[in-house]
N, C-alpha and C. Protein backbone atom coordinates (compact mmCIF):
# COMPACT_ATOMS: atom_id res chain seq x y z
N MET A 1 -7.64 -14.99 -5.26
CA MET A 1 -7.38 -14.14 -4.13
C MET A 1 -8.39 -12.99 -4.15
N ALA A 2 -8.83 -12.56 -2.99
CA ALA A 2 -9.88 -11.57 -2.90
C ALA A 2 -9.43 -10.16 -3.27
N PHE A 3 -8.17 -9.83 -3.16
CA PHE A 3 -7.79 -8.46 -3.47
C PHE A 3 -7.21 -8.35 -4.87
N SER A 4 -7.54 -7.23 -5.51
CA SER A 4 -7.16 -7.00 -6.90
C SER A 4 -6.12 -5.89 -6.96
N LEU A 5 -5.34 -5.92 -8.01
CA LEU A 5 -4.36 -4.86 -8.23
C LEU A 5 -4.84 -3.87 -9.27
N GLU A 6 -6.06 -3.98 -9.68
CA GLU A 6 -6.63 -3.10 -10.69
C GLU A 6 -7.52 -2.06 -10.02
N GLY A 7 -8.07 -1.18 -10.82
CA GLY A 7 -9.03 -0.21 -10.31
C GLY A 7 -8.38 1.01 -9.73
N GLU A 8 -8.75 1.34 -8.49
CA GLU A 8 -8.38 2.61 -7.89
C GLU A 8 -6.92 2.70 -7.45
N LEU A 9 -6.19 1.62 -7.50
CA LEU A 9 -4.80 1.65 -7.07
C LEU A 9 -3.95 2.43 -8.08
N ALA A 10 -3.52 3.60 -7.66
CA ALA A 10 -2.75 4.49 -8.54
C ALA A 10 -1.35 3.92 -8.77
N VAL A 11 -0.90 3.98 -10.00
CA VAL A 11 0.45 3.55 -10.31
C VAL A 11 1.41 4.46 -9.56
N GLY A 12 2.34 3.87 -8.85
CA GLY A 12 3.31 4.65 -8.10
C GLY A 12 2.88 5.06 -6.72
N ALA A 13 1.67 4.66 -6.28
CA ALA A 13 1.22 5.02 -4.93
C ALA A 13 2.14 4.39 -3.89
N GLU A 14 2.58 5.18 -2.93
CA GLU A 14 3.48 4.73 -1.87
C GLU A 14 2.77 4.89 -0.53
N GLY A 15 2.90 3.91 0.33
CA GLY A 15 2.26 4.02 1.64
C GLY A 15 2.33 2.73 2.42
N ILE A 16 1.25 2.44 3.17
CA ILE A 16 1.18 1.24 3.98
C ILE A 16 -0.05 0.43 3.58
N TYR A 17 -0.01 -0.87 3.87
CA TYR A 17 -1.13 -1.74 3.55
C TYR A 17 -1.28 -2.79 4.64
N MET A 18 -2.49 -3.32 4.74
CA MET A 18 -2.78 -4.44 5.63
C MET A 18 -3.49 -5.50 4.82
N ILE A 19 -3.08 -6.74 4.99
CA ILE A 19 -3.78 -7.87 4.41
C ILE A 19 -4.37 -8.66 5.57
N TRP A 20 -5.66 -9.01 5.47
CA TRP A 20 -6.29 -9.80 6.52
C TRP A 20 -7.15 -10.87 5.90
N HIS A 21 -7.50 -11.85 6.71
CA HIS A 21 -8.41 -12.89 6.23
C HIS A 21 -9.71 -12.83 7.02
N GLY A 22 -10.76 -13.32 6.37
CA GLY A 22 -12.07 -13.39 7.01
C GLY A 22 -12.22 -14.72 7.73
N GLY A 23 -13.43 -15.26 7.70
CA GLY A 23 -13.69 -16.54 8.33
C GLY A 23 -14.22 -16.39 9.74
N GLU A 24 -14.29 -17.51 10.44
CA GLU A 24 -14.84 -17.54 11.79
C GLU A 24 -14.03 -16.67 12.76
N ASN A 25 -12.72 -16.64 12.59
CA ASN A 25 -11.83 -15.83 13.42
C ASN A 25 -10.96 -14.94 12.54
N PRO A 26 -11.53 -13.85 12.02
CA PRO A 26 -10.73 -12.98 11.14
C PRO A 26 -9.50 -12.45 11.86
N ALA A 27 -8.42 -12.25 11.08
CA ALA A 27 -7.18 -11.76 11.67
C ALA A 27 -6.35 -11.05 10.62
N VAL A 28 -5.52 -10.13 11.07
CA VAL A 28 -4.58 -9.46 10.19
C VAL A 28 -3.44 -10.44 9.89
N VAL A 29 -3.14 -10.61 8.61
CA VAL A 29 -2.07 -11.51 8.18
C VAL A 29 -0.74 -10.76 8.18
N CYS A 30 -0.72 -9.56 7.58
CA CYS A 30 0.53 -8.79 7.55
C CYS A 30 0.24 -7.31 7.35
N VAL A 31 1.22 -6.52 7.72
CA VAL A 31 1.21 -5.07 7.51
C VAL A 31 2.53 -4.76 6.81
N GLY A 32 2.45 -4.00 5.72
CA GLY A 32 3.68 -3.68 4.99
C GLY A 32 3.67 -2.26 4.48
N GLN A 33 4.72 -1.91 3.78
CA GLN A 33 4.87 -0.55 3.27
C GLN A 33 5.69 -0.55 2.00
N GLY A 34 5.62 0.56 1.29
CA GLY A 34 6.40 0.74 0.07
C GLY A 34 5.50 1.11 -1.09
N ASN A 35 5.93 0.74 -2.30
CA ASN A 35 5.11 0.93 -3.49
C ASN A 35 3.97 -0.08 -3.39
N ILE A 36 2.76 0.40 -3.19
CA ILE A 36 1.63 -0.48 -2.88
C ILE A 36 1.41 -1.53 -3.96
N LYS A 37 1.37 -1.12 -5.21
CA LYS A 37 1.11 -2.08 -6.28
C LYS A 37 2.19 -3.15 -6.36
N ASN A 38 3.45 -2.76 -6.26
CA ASN A 38 4.55 -3.72 -6.31
C ASN A 38 4.54 -4.65 -5.10
N GLU A 39 4.31 -4.08 -3.93
CA GLU A 39 4.28 -4.89 -2.70
C GLU A 39 3.16 -5.92 -2.75
N LEU A 40 1.97 -5.50 -3.16
CA LEU A 40 0.85 -6.43 -3.21
C LEU A 40 1.04 -7.49 -4.29
N ALA A 41 1.64 -7.11 -5.41
CA ALA A 41 1.92 -8.09 -6.46
C ALA A 41 2.85 -9.17 -5.93
N ALA A 42 3.85 -8.79 -5.16
CA ALA A 42 4.77 -9.77 -4.58
C ALA A 42 4.08 -10.61 -3.52
N ARG A 43 3.27 -9.97 -2.68
CA ARG A 43 2.59 -10.69 -1.59
C ARG A 43 1.60 -11.73 -2.12
N ARG A 44 1.02 -11.46 -3.28
CA ARG A 44 0.05 -12.40 -3.88
C ARG A 44 0.70 -13.74 -4.24
N GLN A 45 2.01 -13.78 -4.27
CA GLN A 45 2.73 -15.00 -4.62
C GLN A 45 3.28 -15.76 -3.41
N GLU A 46 3.20 -15.18 -2.24
CA GLU A 46 3.82 -15.76 -1.04
C GLU A 46 2.94 -16.84 -0.42
N GLN A 47 3.50 -18.01 -0.27
CA GLN A 47 2.77 -19.15 0.29
C GLN A 47 2.29 -18.87 1.71
N LYS A 48 3.09 -18.16 2.49
CA LYS A 48 2.70 -17.89 3.88
C LYS A 48 1.45 -17.00 3.95
N ILE A 49 1.15 -16.27 2.88
CA ILE A 49 -0.09 -15.50 2.81
C ILE A 49 -1.18 -16.34 2.14
N LEU A 50 -0.83 -17.04 1.08
CA LEU A 50 -1.80 -17.85 0.35
C LEU A 50 -2.41 -18.96 1.20
N GLN A 51 -1.72 -19.38 2.25
CA GLN A 51 -2.27 -20.43 3.11
C GLN A 51 -3.57 -20.00 3.79
N HIS A 52 -3.89 -18.70 3.77
CA HIS A 52 -5.11 -18.18 4.38
C HIS A 52 -6.21 -17.89 3.35
N LYS A 53 -5.96 -18.17 2.08
CA LYS A 53 -6.91 -17.77 1.03
C LYS A 53 -8.27 -18.44 1.15
N ASP A 54 -8.35 -19.63 1.75
CA ASP A 54 -9.64 -20.30 1.90
C ASP A 54 -10.58 -19.53 2.83
N LYS A 55 -10.04 -18.63 3.63
CA LYS A 55 -10.84 -17.81 4.54
C LYS A 55 -11.23 -16.47 3.90
N GLY A 56 -10.70 -16.23 2.69
CA GLY A 56 -10.91 -14.95 2.02
C GLY A 56 -9.84 -13.97 2.44
N LEU A 57 -9.10 -13.44 1.49
CA LEU A 57 -8.06 -12.45 1.77
C LEU A 57 -8.51 -11.08 1.30
N PHE A 58 -8.24 -10.08 2.10
CA PHE A 58 -8.67 -8.71 1.82
C PHE A 58 -7.50 -7.76 2.08
N VAL A 59 -7.56 -6.59 1.48
CA VAL A 59 -6.49 -5.62 1.67
C VAL A 59 -7.08 -4.22 1.85
N SER A 60 -6.40 -3.45 2.67
CA SER A 60 -6.69 -2.02 2.81
C SER A 60 -5.35 -1.31 2.72
N TRP A 61 -5.33 -0.16 2.08
CA TRP A 61 -4.07 0.57 1.94
C TRP A 61 -4.34 2.07 1.99
N ALA A 62 -3.29 2.81 2.27
CA ALA A 62 -3.38 4.26 2.30
C ALA A 62 -2.04 4.85 1.91
N GLU A 63 -2.09 5.95 1.20
CA GLU A 63 -0.85 6.65 0.88
C GLU A 63 -0.35 7.34 2.14
N VAL A 64 0.93 7.14 2.43
CA VAL A 64 1.57 7.74 3.60
C VAL A 64 2.95 8.20 3.16
N CYS A 65 3.31 9.43 3.49
CA CYS A 65 4.62 9.92 3.08
C CYS A 65 5.72 9.12 3.77
N SER A 66 6.86 9.06 3.14
CA SER A 66 7.95 8.19 3.61
C SER A 66 8.42 8.54 5.02
N ALA A 67 8.31 9.79 5.42
CA ALA A 67 8.77 10.20 6.75
C ALA A 67 7.97 9.54 7.88
N TYR A 68 6.72 9.15 7.61
CA TYR A 68 5.85 8.58 8.64
C TYR A 68 5.55 7.11 8.44
N ARG A 69 6.01 6.53 7.35
CA ARG A 69 5.62 5.17 6.97
C ARG A 69 6.00 4.12 8.00
N GLU A 70 7.24 4.10 8.45
CA GLU A 70 7.66 3.06 9.40
C GLU A 70 6.93 3.19 10.73
N GLY A 71 6.74 4.42 11.19
CA GLY A 71 6.01 4.63 12.43
C GLY A 71 4.55 4.21 12.31
N ALA A 72 3.94 4.49 11.16
CA ALA A 72 2.55 4.07 10.93
C ALA A 72 2.45 2.55 10.85
N GLN A 73 3.41 1.93 10.19
CA GLN A 73 3.42 0.47 10.12
C GLN A 73 3.57 -0.12 11.52
N LYS A 74 4.47 0.43 12.31
CA LYS A 74 4.67 -0.06 13.68
C LYS A 74 3.39 0.08 14.49
N TYR A 75 2.70 1.21 14.36
CA TYR A 75 1.46 1.43 15.10
C TYR A 75 0.43 0.35 14.76
N LEU A 76 0.24 0.10 13.46
CA LEU A 76 -0.75 -0.90 13.05
C LEU A 76 -0.33 -2.31 13.46
N MET A 77 0.96 -2.59 13.43
CA MET A 77 1.43 -3.90 13.86
C MET A 77 1.21 -4.09 15.37
N ASN A 78 1.46 -3.05 16.15
CA ASN A 78 1.21 -3.12 17.59
C ASN A 78 -0.27 -3.29 17.89
N LEU A 79 -1.09 -2.60 17.13
CA LEU A 79 -2.54 -2.61 17.34
C LEU A 79 -3.16 -3.95 16.98
N TRP A 80 -2.77 -4.53 15.83
CA TRP A 80 -3.45 -5.71 15.29
C TRP A 80 -2.66 -7.00 15.40
N GLN A 81 -1.40 -6.97 15.82
CA GLN A 81 -0.60 -8.18 16.01
C GLN A 81 -0.74 -9.15 14.83
N PRO A 82 -0.24 -8.77 13.65
CA PRO A 82 -0.39 -9.64 12.47
C PRO A 82 0.27 -11.00 12.65
N LYS A 83 -0.28 -11.98 11.94
CA LYS A 83 0.26 -13.34 12.00
C LYS A 83 1.69 -13.38 11.48
N LEU A 84 2.00 -12.58 10.48
CA LEU A 84 3.34 -12.49 9.93
C LEU A 84 3.92 -11.15 10.36
N SER A 85 4.86 -11.18 11.25
CA SER A 85 5.45 -9.96 11.77
C SER A 85 6.94 -9.95 11.43
N GLU A 86 7.26 -9.43 10.26
CA GLU A 86 8.63 -9.50 9.76
C GLU A 86 9.46 -8.28 10.10
N ALA A 87 8.83 -7.15 10.33
CA ALA A 87 9.56 -5.90 10.50
C ALA A 87 9.67 -5.54 11.99
N HIS A 88 10.82 -5.02 12.34
CA HIS A 88 11.04 -4.53 13.70
C HIS A 88 11.69 -3.15 13.59
N PHE A 89 11.09 -2.19 14.25
CA PHE A 89 11.53 -0.82 14.14
C PHE A 89 11.96 -0.27 15.48
N ASN A 90 12.90 0.65 15.45
CA ASN A 90 13.32 1.35 16.65
C ASN A 90 12.62 2.69 16.78
N LEU A 91 11.72 2.98 15.85
CA LEU A 91 10.99 4.24 15.86
C LEU A 91 9.78 4.17 16.77
N LEU A 92 9.31 5.33 17.19
CA LEU A 92 8.05 5.39 17.92
C LEU A 92 6.90 5.20 16.95
N PRO A 93 5.83 4.55 17.40
CA PRO A 93 4.66 4.39 16.53
C PRO A 93 4.04 5.75 16.20
N VAL A 94 3.49 5.84 15.00
CA VAL A 94 2.76 7.03 14.57
C VAL A 94 1.31 6.63 14.40
N LYS A 95 0.43 7.20 15.21
CA LYS A 95 -0.99 6.80 15.18
C LYS A 95 -1.60 7.19 13.84
N VAL A 96 -2.27 6.22 13.23
CA VAL A 96 -3.00 6.41 11.98
C VAL A 96 -4.38 5.79 12.14
N ASN A 97 -5.27 6.08 11.20
CA ASN A 97 -6.59 5.47 11.23
C ASN A 97 -6.47 4.00 10.81
N SER A 98 -7.12 3.16 11.56
CA SER A 98 -7.18 1.74 11.25
C SER A 98 -8.44 1.50 10.41
N PRO A 99 -8.42 0.48 9.56
CA PRO A 99 -9.62 0.20 8.76
C PRO A 99 -10.86 -0.07 9.61
N TRP A 100 -10.71 -0.47 10.86
CA TRP A 100 -11.86 -0.82 11.69
C TRP A 100 -12.10 0.17 12.81
N GLU A 101 -11.56 1.35 12.72
CA GLU A 101 -11.80 2.36 13.77
C GLU A 101 -12.64 3.48 13.21
């Protein structure tokens, strides 16, 4: 898998993350939130994500305080329409910087 859990990822970092694949038609696979290291460790085992590994899997993450996390996740999900859309929120989106903006 293209993304690593080592290096700059601080133990205990909390926030949001996006996993996407490359290839001819790159796309966001999922957007999630929580303890970044724990979430990504779990996601690395999910078949619904691993099915895209032949296209190259990548991750971007940012620390976001808990008060804004769900709104930020909703904003990114609305913006990028991930292939796996598991979360549904009643909150208003909170605009954050996207990795490609």
